[in-house]
N, C-alpha and C. Protein backbone atom coordinates (compact mmCIF):
# COMPACT_ATOMS: atom_id res chain seq x y z
N MET A 1 -51.30 -217.34 32.76
CA MET A 1 -50.44 -218.19 32.09
C MET A 1 -51.28 -219.18 31.24
N PRO A 2 -51.26 -219.27 29.88
CA PRO A 2 -51.92 -220.32 29.02
C PRO A 2 -51.41 -221.65 29.36
N HIS A 3 -52.50 -222.49 29.39
CA HIS A 3 -52.12 -223.82 29.52
C HIS A 3 -52.80 -224.86 28.47
N ILE A 4 -51.82 -225.82 28.36
CA ILE A 4 -52.04 -226.74 27.02
C ILE A 4 -52.18 -228.16 27.77
N GLU A 5 -53.48 -229.02 27.28
CA GLU A 5 -53.68 -230.30 27.86
C GLU A 5 -53.13 -231.01 26.40
N TYR A 6 -52.12 -231.70 26.65
CA TYR A 6 -51.59 -232.44 25.32
C TYR A 6 -51.98 -233.80 25.53
N PHE A 7 -52.93 -234.22 24.64
CA PHE A 7 -53.31 -235.85 24.52
C PHE A 7 -52.86 -236.44 23.34
N PHE A 8 -52.29 -237.64 23.73
CA PHE A 8 -51.42 -238.15 22.51
C PHE A 8 -51.06 -239.76 22.90
N THR A 9 -50.63 -240.55 21.93
CA THR A 9 -49.87 -241.79 22.38
C THR A 9 -48.55 -241.64 21.60
N PRO A 10 -47.56 -242.11 22.24
CA PRO A 10 -46.16 -242.38 21.58
C PRO A 10 -46.07 -243.22 20.33
N LEU A 11 -47.16 -243.86 20.10
CA LEU A 11 -47.18 -244.89 18.90
C LEU A 11 -47.52 -244.27 17.81
N SER A 12 -48.01 -242.99 17.77
CA SER A 12 -48.66 -242.28 16.58
C SER A 12 -47.51 -241.71 15.71
N PRO A 13 -47.67 -242.07 14.42
CA PRO A 13 -46.66 -241.31 13.50
C PRO A 13 -46.84 -239.62 13.55
N TYR A 14 -48.11 -239.19 13.69
CA TYR A 14 -48.28 -237.83 13.40
C TYR A 14 -47.88 -237.08 14.88
N THR A 15 -48.01 -238.09 16.03
CA THR A 15 -47.17 -237.44 17.32
C THR A 15 -45.75 -237.20 17.03
N TYR A 16 -45.14 -238.31 16.50
CA TYR A 16 -43.70 -238.08 15.94
C TYR A 16 -43.38 -236.88 15.12
N LEU A 17 -44.33 -236.86 14.07
CA LEU A 17 -44.23 -235.52 13.05
C LEU A 17 -44.44 -234.06 13.57
N ALA A 18 -44.87 -234.20 14.82
CA ALA A 18 -44.93 -232.92 15.55
C ALA A 18 -43.59 -232.43 16.29
N GLY A 19 -42.47 -233.39 16.35
CA GLY A 19 -41.31 -233.01 16.83
C GLY A 19 -41.30 -232.46 18.32
N THR A 20 -40.84 -231.28 18.40
CA THR A 20 -40.73 -230.90 19.60
C THR A 20 -41.32 -229.38 19.62
N ARG A 21 -42.12 -229.21 18.56
CA ARG A 21 -42.74 -227.88 18.17
C ARG A 21 -43.57 -227.47 19.27
N LEU A 22 -44.31 -228.34 19.84
CA LEU A 22 -45.30 -227.80 20.82
C LEU A 22 -44.65 -227.24 22.07
N GLU A 23 -43.35 -227.66 22.41
CA GLU A 23 -42.43 -227.21 23.31
C GLU A 23 -41.96 -225.82 23.04
N GLN A 24 -41.64 -225.53 21.57
CA GLN A 24 -41.25 -224.27 21.11
C GLN A 24 -42.33 -223.26 21.35
N ILE A 25 -43.43 -223.80 20.85
CA ILE A 25 -44.75 -222.67 21.09
C ILE A 25 -45.07 -222.49 22.31
N ALA A 26 -44.93 -223.41 23.24
CA ALA A 26 -45.05 -223.17 24.73
C ALA A 26 -44.30 -221.98 25.35
N ALA A 27 -42.77 -222.33 24.85
CA ALA A 27 -41.75 -221.27 25.45
C ALA A 27 -42.01 -219.97 24.69
N GLN A 28 -42.43 -220.16 23.61
CA GLN A 28 -42.59 -218.59 23.07
C GLN A 28 -43.89 -217.70 23.49
N THR A 29 -44.70 -218.50 23.90
CA THR A 29 -46.09 -218.01 24.32
C THR A 29 -46.26 -218.10 25.98
N GLY A 30 -45.22 -218.50 26.51
CA GLY A 30 -45.21 -218.51 28.19
C GLY A 30 -46.13 -219.65 28.63
N SER A 31 -46.83 -220.59 27.82
CA SER A 31 -47.70 -221.49 28.22
C SER A 31 -47.05 -222.69 28.82
N THR A 32 -47.97 -223.31 29.79
CA THR A 32 -47.45 -224.66 30.47
C THR A 32 -48.06 -225.81 29.63
N ILE A 33 -47.62 -227.01 29.60
CA ILE A 33 -47.95 -228.24 29.04
C ILE A 33 -48.20 -229.21 30.12
N ALA A 34 -49.49 -229.97 29.98
CA ALA A 34 -49.55 -231.17 30.63
C ALA A 34 -49.55 -232.31 29.82
N TYR A 35 -48.60 -233.20 29.94
CA TYR A 35 -48.42 -234.26 29.00
C TYR A 35 -49.52 -235.48 29.41
N ARG A 36 -50.35 -235.73 28.52
CA ARG A 36 -51.57 -236.58 28.99
C ARG A 36 -51.55 -237.90 27.90
N PRO A 37 -50.67 -238.88 28.17
CA PRO A 37 -50.95 -239.96 27.12
C PRO A 37 -52.29 -240.58 27.25
N VAL A 38 -52.72 -241.18 26.20
CA VAL A 38 -54.14 -241.87 26.29
C VAL A 38 -53.91 -243.30 25.72
N LEU A 39 -55.10 -243.91 26.03
CA LEU A 39 -55.14 -245.43 25.39
C LEU A 39 -55.88 -245.12 24.11
N LEU A 40 -55.47 -245.08 23.14
CA LEU A 40 -55.85 -244.63 21.77
C LEU A 40 -57.03 -245.45 21.19
N ALA A 41 -56.76 -246.98 21.51
CA ALA A 41 -57.94 -247.84 21.00
C ALA A 41 -59.35 -247.45 21.66
N LYS A 42 -59.16 -247.18 23.12
CA LYS A 42 -60.24 -246.87 23.72
C LYS A 42 -60.96 -245.78 23.34
N LEU A 43 -60.14 -244.65 23.02
CA LEU A 43 -60.68 -243.53 22.47
C LEU A 43 -61.14 -243.54 21.31
N PHE A 44 -60.84 -244.22 20.32
CA PHE A 44 -61.28 -244.58 19.09
C PHE A 44 -62.74 -245.31 19.20
N GLU A 45 -62.75 -246.20 20.00
CA GLU A 45 -63.90 -246.95 20.41
C GLU A 45 -64.95 -245.98 20.83
N ALA A 46 -64.65 -245.01 21.75
CA ALA A 46 -65.79 -244.05 22.28
C ALA A 46 -66.11 -243.10 21.39
N THR A 47 -65.21 -242.74 20.51
CA THR A 47 -65.57 -241.58 19.68
C THR A 47 -65.86 -242.06 17.93
N GLY A 48 -65.86 -243.18 17.77
CA GLY A 48 -66.17 -243.75 16.35
C GLY A 48 -65.01 -243.69 15.53
N GLY A 49 -63.72 -243.77 16.01
CA GLY A 49 -62.62 -243.88 15.36
C GLY A 49 -62.46 -245.57 14.79
N VAL A 50 -61.91 -245.49 13.61
CA VAL A 50 -61.62 -246.83 13.01
C VAL A 50 -60.13 -247.30 13.20
N ALA A 51 -60.10 -248.39 13.61
CA ALA A 51 -58.64 -248.99 13.89
C ALA A 51 -57.90 -248.91 12.47
N LEU A 52 -56.58 -248.77 12.34
CA LEU A 52 -55.89 -249.01 10.98
C LEU A 52 -56.23 -250.08 10.27
N PRO A 53 -56.12 -251.30 10.79
CA PRO A 53 -56.29 -252.48 9.83
C PRO A 53 -57.70 -252.39 9.30
N GLN A 54 -58.76 -251.86 10.02
CA GLN A 54 -60.03 -251.81 9.39
C GLN A 54 -60.30 -250.81 8.54
N ARG A 55 -59.50 -249.82 8.29
CA ARG A 55 -59.94 -248.68 7.35
C ARG A 55 -59.79 -249.26 5.92
N HIS A 56 -60.70 -248.60 5.19
CA HIS A 56 -60.71 -249.02 3.61
C HIS A 56 -59.25 -248.71 3.04
N GLU A 57 -58.85 -249.56 2.10
CA GLU A 57 -57.69 -249.73 1.42
C GLU A 57 -57.07 -248.21 0.87
N SER A 58 -58.19 -247.55 0.25
CA SER A 58 -57.67 -246.14 -0.01
C SER A 58 -57.18 -245.32 0.90
N ARG A 59 -57.96 -245.34 2.21
CA ARG A 59 -57.40 -244.60 3.31
C ARG A 59 -56.18 -245.07 3.89
N GLN A 60 -55.84 -246.38 3.89
CA GLN A 60 -54.61 -246.87 4.28
C GLN A 60 -53.41 -246.23 3.19
N ALA A 61 -53.82 -246.28 2.00
CA ALA A 61 -52.77 -246.03 1.10
C ALA A 61 -52.50 -244.42 1.18
N TYR A 62 -53.54 -243.60 1.36
CA TYR A 62 -53.43 -242.28 1.48
C TYR A 62 -52.71 -241.82 2.79
N ARG A 63 -52.89 -242.62 3.88
CA ARG A 63 -51.96 -242.50 5.06
C ARG A 63 -50.45 -242.47 5.02
N LEU A 64 -50.18 -243.57 3.89
CA LEU A 64 -48.85 -243.86 3.83
C LEU A 64 -48.14 -242.64 2.83
N GLN A 65 -48.93 -242.05 1.99
CA GLN A 65 -48.56 -241.10 1.01
C GLN A 65 -48.43 -239.76 1.98
N ASP A 66 -49.36 -239.45 2.75
CA ASP A 66 -49.26 -238.20 3.70
C ASP A 66 -48.13 -238.28 4.60
N LEU A 67 -48.08 -239.43 5.33
CA LEU A 67 -46.80 -239.69 6.17
C LEU A 67 -45.39 -239.12 5.40
N ALA A 68 -45.47 -239.90 4.32
CA ALA A 68 -44.08 -239.52 3.58
C ALA A 68 -43.80 -238.06 3.12
N ARG A 69 -45.01 -237.44 2.88
CA ARG A 69 -44.86 -236.12 2.29
C ARG A 69 -44.61 -235.23 3.79
N SER A 70 -45.38 -235.68 4.68
CA SER A 70 -45.05 -234.89 5.86
C SER A 70 -43.98 -234.83 6.50
N ALA A 71 -43.25 -236.10 6.48
CA ALA A 71 -42.11 -236.38 7.27
C ALA A 71 -41.01 -235.42 6.27
N ALA A 72 -41.21 -235.69 4.91
CA ALA A 72 -40.15 -234.64 4.07
C ALA A 72 -40.43 -233.16 4.48
N MET A 73 -41.63 -232.80 4.54
CA MET A 73 -41.79 -231.34 4.93
C MET A 73 -41.18 -231.03 6.30
N GLU A 74 -41.20 -231.80 7.28
CA GLU A 74 -40.68 -231.66 8.46
C GLU A 74 -39.28 -232.04 8.62
N GLY A 75 -38.65 -232.50 7.62
CA GLY A 75 -37.12 -232.92 7.79
C GLY A 75 -36.85 -233.96 8.65
N LEU A 76 -37.84 -234.89 8.88
CA LEU A 76 -37.65 -236.06 9.87
C LEU A 76 -37.45 -237.19 9.04
N PRO A 77 -36.59 -238.30 9.42
CA PRO A 77 -36.77 -239.51 8.76
C PRO A 77 -37.83 -240.08 9.25
N ILE A 78 -38.32 -241.13 8.31
CA ILE A 78 -39.53 -241.99 8.71
C ILE A 78 -39.34 -243.32 8.02
N ASN A 79 -39.67 -244.56 8.57
CA ASN A 79 -39.92 -245.75 8.12
C ASN A 79 -41.45 -246.04 8.09
N LEU A 80 -42.05 -246.11 6.82
CA LEU A 80 -43.46 -245.97 6.86
C LEU A 80 -44.09 -247.50 7.22
N LYS A 81 -43.20 -248.31 7.38
CA LYS A 81 -43.78 -249.78 7.85
C LYS A 81 -42.78 -250.33 8.92
N PRO A 82 -42.80 -249.48 10.12
CA PRO A 82 -41.70 -249.96 10.87
C PRO A 82 -42.00 -251.23 11.35
N ALA A 83 -40.79 -251.93 11.90
CA ALA A 83 -40.67 -253.28 12.21
C ALA A 83 -41.63 -253.53 13.66
N HIS A 84 -41.64 -252.47 14.46
CA HIS A 84 -42.54 -252.50 15.85
C HIS A 84 -43.42 -251.84 15.78
N PHE A 85 -44.46 -251.86 14.68
CA PHE A 85 -45.64 -251.05 14.69
C PHE A 85 -46.78 -252.13 14.11
N PRO A 86 -47.79 -252.37 14.70
CA PRO A 86 -48.23 -251.73 16.19
C PRO A 86 -47.39 -252.54 17.27
N THR A 87 -47.16 -251.92 18.34
CA THR A 87 -46.85 -252.62 19.42
C THR A 87 -47.56 -252.14 20.68
N ASN A 88 -47.29 -252.61 21.75
CA ASN A 88 -47.99 -252.23 23.17
C ASN A 88 -47.52 -251.09 23.42
N PRO A 89 -48.21 -249.82 23.54
CA PRO A 89 -47.91 -248.48 24.06
C PRO A 89 -47.82 -248.26 25.34
N VAL A 90 -48.48 -249.19 26.13
CA VAL A 90 -48.68 -248.86 27.62
C VAL A 90 -47.56 -248.69 28.40
N PRO A 91 -46.44 -249.58 28.33
CA PRO A 91 -45.28 -249.36 28.92
C PRO A 91 -44.45 -248.01 28.72
N ALA A 92 -44.43 -247.39 27.66
CA ALA A 92 -43.92 -246.17 27.18
C ALA A 92 -44.93 -245.24 27.72
N SER A 93 -46.03 -245.25 27.65
CA SER A 93 -47.05 -244.18 28.13
C SER A 93 -47.02 -243.99 29.80
N CYS A 94 -46.85 -245.17 30.34
CA CYS A 94 -46.56 -245.24 32.01
C CYS A 94 -45.31 -244.55 32.11
N ALA A 95 -44.51 -244.78 31.48
CA ALA A 95 -43.16 -244.24 31.91
C ALA A 95 -43.21 -242.62 31.50
N ILE A 96 -43.94 -242.15 30.68
CA ILE A 96 -44.12 -240.68 30.32
C ILE A 96 -44.81 -240.18 31.45
N VAL A 97 -46.00 -240.91 32.06
CA VAL A 97 -46.76 -240.49 33.27
C VAL A 97 -45.84 -240.41 34.57
N ALA A 98 -44.79 -241.43 34.79
CA ALA A 98 -43.98 -241.54 35.98
C ALA A 98 -42.82 -240.16 35.72
N ALA A 99 -42.33 -240.20 34.57
CA ALA A 99 -41.45 -239.21 34.50
C ALA A 99 -42.17 -237.74 34.55
N GLN A 100 -43.27 -237.45 34.24
CA GLN A 100 -43.91 -236.01 34.46
C GLN A 100 -43.88 -235.89 36.11
N ALA A 101 -44.26 -237.00 36.82
CA ALA A 101 -44.38 -236.94 38.14
C ALA A 101 -43.13 -236.79 38.84
N ALA A 102 -42.11 -237.34 38.48
CA ALA A 102 -40.79 -237.38 38.93
C ALA A 102 -40.37 -235.89 38.45
N GLY A 103 -40.45 -235.27 37.51
CA GLY A 103 -39.84 -234.08 37.09
C GLY A 103 -38.32 -234.16 36.91
N GLY A 104 -37.65 -233.05 36.45
CA GLY A 104 -36.17 -233.02 36.42
C GLY A 104 -35.75 -233.28 35.02
N GLY A 105 -36.40 -233.70 34.22
CA GLY A 105 -35.92 -233.94 32.96
C GLY A 105 -36.83 -233.06 31.60
N ASP A 106 -36.59 -233.42 30.45
CA ASP A 106 -37.02 -232.62 29.51
C ASP A 106 -38.31 -233.49 28.74
N MET A 107 -39.48 -233.24 29.19
CA MET A 107 -40.71 -234.04 28.81
C MET A 107 -40.79 -234.20 27.31
N GLY A 108 -40.68 -232.90 26.59
CA GLY A 108 -40.52 -233.03 25.04
C GLY A 108 -39.62 -233.77 24.56
N ALA A 109 -38.42 -233.90 25.07
CA ALA A 109 -37.31 -234.80 24.44
C ALA A 109 -37.87 -236.10 24.52
N LEU A 110 -38.32 -236.55 25.63
CA LEU A 110 -38.70 -237.72 26.19
C LEU A 110 -39.66 -238.40 25.36
N CYS A 111 -40.78 -237.53 24.98
CA CYS A 111 -41.91 -238.16 24.18
C CYS A 111 -41.38 -238.20 22.49
N HIS A 112 -40.42 -237.09 22.27
CA HIS A 112 -40.01 -237.32 20.88
C HIS A 112 -38.89 -238.61 20.69
N ALA A 113 -38.37 -238.80 21.84
CA ALA A 113 -37.38 -239.91 21.68
C ALA A 113 -38.21 -241.22 21.60
N LEU A 114 -39.47 -241.47 22.13
CA LEU A 114 -40.08 -242.68 22.20
C LEU A 114 -40.62 -242.69 20.78
N CYS A 115 -41.17 -241.60 20.28
CA CYS A 115 -41.67 -241.76 18.87
C CYS A 115 -40.72 -242.04 17.87
N ARG A 116 -39.57 -241.35 18.08
CA ARG A 116 -38.48 -241.63 17.12
C ARG A 116 -37.99 -243.11 17.16
N ALA A 117 -38.00 -243.79 18.25
CA ALA A 117 -37.49 -244.96 18.42
C ALA A 117 -38.49 -245.90 17.51
N VAL A 118 -39.72 -245.54 17.61
CA VAL A 118 -40.63 -246.43 16.74
C VAL A 118 -40.41 -246.15 15.33
N TRP A 119 -40.53 -244.95 14.84
CA TRP A 119 -40.76 -244.45 13.43
C TRP A 119 -39.42 -244.12 12.62
N ALA A 120 -38.18 -244.12 13.27
CA ALA A 120 -37.06 -243.82 12.61
C ALA A 120 -36.00 -244.67 13.11
N GLU A 121 -36.14 -245.58 14.22
CA GLU A 121 -34.83 -246.19 14.73
C GLU A 121 -35.15 -247.80 14.77
N GLU A 122 -36.33 -248.20 14.37
CA GLU A 122 -36.68 -249.64 14.38
C GLU A 122 -36.64 -250.35 15.73
N ARG A 123 -36.96 -249.53 17.02
CA ARG A 123 -36.98 -250.12 18.38
C ARG A 123 -38.38 -250.23 18.66
N ASP A 124 -38.51 -250.99 19.68
CA ASP A 124 -39.84 -251.64 20.24
C ASP A 124 -39.88 -250.87 21.55
N ILE A 125 -41.18 -249.77 21.62
CA ILE A 125 -41.11 -249.16 22.86
C ILE A 125 -42.01 -249.79 23.81
N ALA A 126 -42.32 -251.20 23.62
CA ALA A 126 -42.77 -251.92 24.79
C ALA A 126 -41.69 -252.70 25.50
N GLN A 127 -40.54 -252.55 25.17
CA GLN A 127 -39.28 -253.12 25.79
C GLN A 127 -38.79 -252.10 26.85
N ASP A 128 -38.56 -252.63 28.12
CA ASP A 128 -37.80 -251.86 29.05
C ASP A 128 -36.78 -251.33 28.86
N GLU A 129 -35.73 -251.84 27.94
CA GLU A 129 -34.32 -251.21 27.60
C GLU A 129 -34.52 -250.14 26.89
N VAL A 130 -35.60 -250.14 25.80
CA VAL A 130 -35.68 -249.14 25.05
C VAL A 130 -36.23 -247.74 25.72
N ILE A 131 -37.21 -248.04 26.64
CA ILE A 131 -37.91 -246.97 27.16
C ILE A 131 -36.76 -246.30 28.19
N ALA A 132 -35.95 -247.25 28.85
CA ALA A 132 -34.94 -246.68 29.68
C ALA A 132 -34.02 -245.96 29.12
N THR A 133 -33.64 -246.13 27.83
CA THR A 133 -32.72 -245.40 27.07
C THR A 133 -33.38 -244.08 26.73
N CYS A 134 -34.55 -244.19 26.39
CA CYS A 134 -35.23 -242.79 25.87
C CYS A 134 -35.28 -241.80 27.28
N LEU A 135 -35.51 -242.66 28.32
CA LEU A 135 -35.72 -241.67 29.62
C LEU A 135 -34.21 -241.03 29.91
N THR A 136 -33.27 -241.82 29.95
CA THR A 136 -31.96 -241.19 30.24
C THR A 136 -31.58 -240.15 29.20
N SER A 137 -31.80 -240.17 28.09
CA SER A 137 -31.44 -239.44 26.87
C SER A 137 -32.18 -238.02 27.10
N ALA A 138 -33.38 -238.15 27.96
CA ALA A 138 -34.14 -237.08 28.18
C ALA A 138 -33.90 -236.49 29.64
N GLY A 139 -32.82 -236.95 30.40
CA GLY A 139 -32.57 -236.56 31.69
C GLY A 139 -33.36 -236.99 32.71
N PHE A 140 -34.02 -238.15 32.60
CA PHE A 140 -34.67 -238.97 33.38
C PHE A 140 -34.01 -240.14 34.19
N ALA A 141 -34.50 -240.66 35.19
CA ALA A 141 -33.85 -242.12 35.74
C ALA A 141 -34.26 -243.16 34.99
N ALA A 142 -33.49 -243.92 34.45
CA ALA A 142 -33.82 -245.17 33.72
C ALA A 142 -34.83 -245.97 34.60
N SER A 143 -34.83 -246.09 35.93
CA SER A 143 -35.76 -246.74 36.64
C SER A 143 -37.22 -246.62 36.53
N LEU A 144 -37.48 -245.28 35.91
CA LEU A 144 -39.01 -244.97 35.69
C LEU A 144 -39.65 -245.92 34.56
N ALA A 145 -38.67 -246.65 33.79
CA ALA A 145 -39.19 -247.54 32.88
C ALA A 145 -39.99 -248.75 33.40
N THR A 146 -39.66 -248.88 34.51
CA THR A 146 -40.33 -250.13 35.29
C THR A 146 -40.87 -249.83 36.57
N SER A 147 -41.06 -248.49 37.17
CA SER A 147 -41.82 -248.20 38.28
C SER A 147 -43.15 -247.56 37.85
N GLY A 148 -43.99 -247.64 38.85
CA GLY A 148 -45.40 -247.12 38.80
C GLY A 148 -46.39 -247.52 37.74
N LEU A 149 -46.15 -248.75 37.25
CA LEU A 149 -47.01 -249.14 36.24
C LEU A 149 -48.57 -249.30 36.51
N LEU A 150 -48.70 -249.64 37.65
CA LEU A 150 -50.21 -249.73 37.98
C LEU A 150 -50.87 -248.50 38.29
N THR A 151 -49.94 -247.36 38.96
CA THR A 151 -50.45 -245.92 38.93
C THR A 151 -50.53 -245.35 37.41
N GLY A 152 -49.50 -245.73 36.65
CA GLY A 152 -49.43 -245.28 35.11
C GLY A 152 -50.81 -245.68 34.46
N VAL A 153 -51.19 -246.87 34.73
CA VAL A 153 -52.46 -247.47 33.85
C VAL A 153 -53.74 -246.66 34.47
N ASP A 154 -53.74 -246.30 35.68
CA ASP A 154 -54.95 -245.64 36.25
C ASP A 154 -54.90 -244.26 35.46
N VAL A 155 -53.72 -243.50 35.57
CA VAL A 155 -53.76 -242.19 34.92
C VAL A 155 -54.05 -242.19 33.45
N LEU A 156 -53.60 -243.44 32.62
CA LEU A 156 -54.08 -243.49 31.36
C LEU A 156 -55.29 -243.73 31.18
N GLU A 157 -56.21 -244.45 32.07
CA GLU A 157 -57.48 -244.53 31.99
C GLU A 157 -58.41 -243.14 32.13
N ARG A 158 -57.70 -242.55 33.18
CA ARG A 158 -58.26 -241.12 33.32
C ARG A 158 -58.01 -240.16 32.32
N ASN A 159 -56.82 -240.21 31.87
CA ASN A 159 -56.52 -239.20 30.75
C ASN A 159 -57.33 -239.45 29.44
N THR A 160 -57.61 -240.94 29.10
CA THR A 160 -58.60 -241.36 28.10
C THR A 160 -59.96 -240.63 28.23
N HIS A 161 -60.48 -240.93 29.59
CA HIS A 161 -61.82 -240.47 29.95
C HIS A 161 -61.93 -238.80 29.69
N ASP A 162 -60.87 -238.01 30.29
CA ASP A 162 -60.74 -236.74 30.33
C ASP A 162 -60.60 -236.08 28.60
N ALA A 163 -60.04 -236.92 27.99
CA ALA A 163 -59.67 -236.69 26.36
C ALA A 163 -61.18 -236.90 25.79
N LYS A 164 -61.90 -237.74 25.96
CA LYS A 164 -63.12 -237.74 25.34
C LYS A 164 -64.14 -236.69 25.81
N ILE A 165 -64.18 -236.38 27.03
CA ILE A 165 -65.01 -235.17 27.46
C ILE A 165 -64.53 -233.98 27.00
N ALA A 166 -63.28 -233.57 26.91
CA ALA A 166 -62.81 -232.69 25.94
C ALA A 166 -63.03 -232.45 24.37
N GLY A 167 -63.37 -233.49 23.93
CA GLY A 167 -63.71 -233.48 22.65
C GLY A 167 -62.69 -234.20 21.71
N VAL A 168 -61.71 -234.68 22.42
CA VAL A 168 -60.45 -235.04 21.72
C VAL A 168 -60.94 -236.77 21.24
N PHE A 169 -60.39 -236.92 19.76
CA PHE A 169 -60.73 -238.32 19.29
C PHE A 169 -59.43 -238.75 18.44
N GLY A 170 -58.27 -237.86 18.62
CA GLY A 170 -57.10 -238.71 17.82
C GLY A 170 -55.82 -238.01 18.33
N SER A 171 -54.80 -238.60 17.91
CA SER A 171 -53.46 -238.10 18.57
C SER A 171 -52.56 -237.81 17.37
N PRO A 172 -51.87 -236.38 17.50
CA PRO A 172 -51.88 -235.79 18.79
C PRO A 172 -52.92 -234.69 18.85
N SER A 173 -53.39 -234.40 19.96
CA SER A 173 -54.45 -233.33 20.16
C SER A 173 -54.00 -232.37 21.35
N TYR A 174 -54.30 -231.00 21.08
CA TYR A 174 -53.78 -229.96 21.95
C TYR A 174 -55.17 -229.34 22.30
N VAL A 175 -55.27 -229.23 23.69
CA VAL A 175 -56.68 -228.74 24.23
C VAL A 175 -56.31 -227.25 25.09
N VAL A 176 -56.72 -226.22 24.61
CA VAL A 176 -56.77 -224.97 25.49
C VAL A 176 -58.01 -224.46 25.79
N GLY A 177 -58.53 -224.51 27.19
CA GLY A 177 -59.82 -224.30 27.33
C GLY A 177 -60.98 -225.22 26.65
N ASP A 178 -61.92 -224.60 25.89
CA ASP A 178 -62.69 -225.26 25.30
C ASP A 178 -62.32 -225.42 23.49
N GLN A 179 -60.94 -225.12 23.16
CA GLN A 179 -60.55 -225.38 21.86
C GLN A 179 -59.61 -226.58 21.76
N VAL A 180 -60.01 -227.38 20.76
CA VAL A 180 -59.27 -228.45 20.51
C VAL A 180 -58.45 -228.34 19.08
N PHE A 181 -57.29 -228.62 19.09
CA PHE A 181 -56.44 -228.74 17.86
C PHE A 181 -56.21 -230.05 17.52
N TRP A 182 -56.22 -230.76 16.50
CA TRP A 182 -55.94 -232.06 16.28
C TRP A 182 -54.95 -232.23 14.99
N GLY A 183 -54.06 -232.77 15.66
CA GLY A 183 -52.87 -233.00 14.50
C GLY A 183 -51.67 -232.40 14.35
N HIS A 184 -50.65 -232.74 14.09
CA HIS A 184 -49.18 -232.10 14.01
C HIS A 184 -49.35 -230.84 13.04
N ASP A 185 -50.34 -230.91 12.08
CA ASP A 185 -50.47 -229.73 11.12
C ASP A 185 -51.35 -228.73 11.47
N ARG A 186 -51.80 -228.95 12.79
CA ARG A 186 -52.45 -227.56 13.60
C ARG A 186 -51.90 -226.85 14.41
N LEU A 187 -50.46 -227.32 14.65
CA LEU A 187 -49.71 -226.57 15.71
C LEU A 187 -49.73 -224.95 15.24
N ALA A 188 -49.79 -224.47 14.03
CA ALA A 188 -49.58 -223.16 13.68
C ALA A 188 -51.01 -222.69 14.29
N HIS A 189 -52.09 -223.29 14.17
CA HIS A 189 -53.40 -222.89 14.50
C HIS A 189 -53.26 -222.56 16.08
N LEU A 190 -52.52 -223.42 16.91
CA LEU A 190 -52.45 -223.52 18.27
C LEU A 190 -51.74 -222.36 18.61
N ALA A 191 -50.40 -222.16 17.87
CA ALA A 191 -49.61 -220.94 18.24
C ALA A 191 -50.49 -219.71 17.88
N ALA A 192 -51.27 -219.53 16.87
CA ALA A 192 -51.92 -218.39 16.52
C ALA A 192 -52.95 -218.09 17.71
N HIS A 193 -53.56 -219.15 18.15
CA HIS A 193 -54.60 -219.05 19.35
C HIS A 193 -54.06 -218.56 20.61
N LEU A 194 -52.70 -219.10 20.96
CA LEU A 194 -52.05 -218.63 22.12
C LEU A 194 -51.46 -217.29 22.15
N GLY A 195 -50.98 -217.03 20.75
CA GLY A 195 -50.46 -215.67 20.48
C GLY A 195 -51.35 -214.35 20.51
């Protein structure tokens, strides 16, 4: 059975634009998914990435154009300058870790709900009540928003290390064996590889 290591941050607009296509691909190809949120700033630091505010103005302008075009192509609403971006992604990422460990809900729906909260709903995913709403909408217990934070941070550190070792440098990234697929626009490549 094919296995996908999914490295991402729920704060990334490109993770949002992936929607739930990863889950559809996994269902079609009989693949399993390990959801592995990372500390993107640390991953950038380790792999030569440049934080958004430090990027040249032409790169920043292109990013906004690209996000608008990509959202239109995906049929997803997007606020290019959301009220709560950037925010601290650690609480939401720890909730993802806790939800995966707990089981019983829809991980794809949870991840997309957290991304949608930032990029379409003007909500702050650093806030417990926002995380709890996303958890319950995906079939998980709201209490996972505040449980297991210390364990969650340890897992985020390990995921970030493992992502770097696997050759990952951005979000979202999908790893199958030694093959890395970076970006929501590489999901078709992932599907072809699995197919």
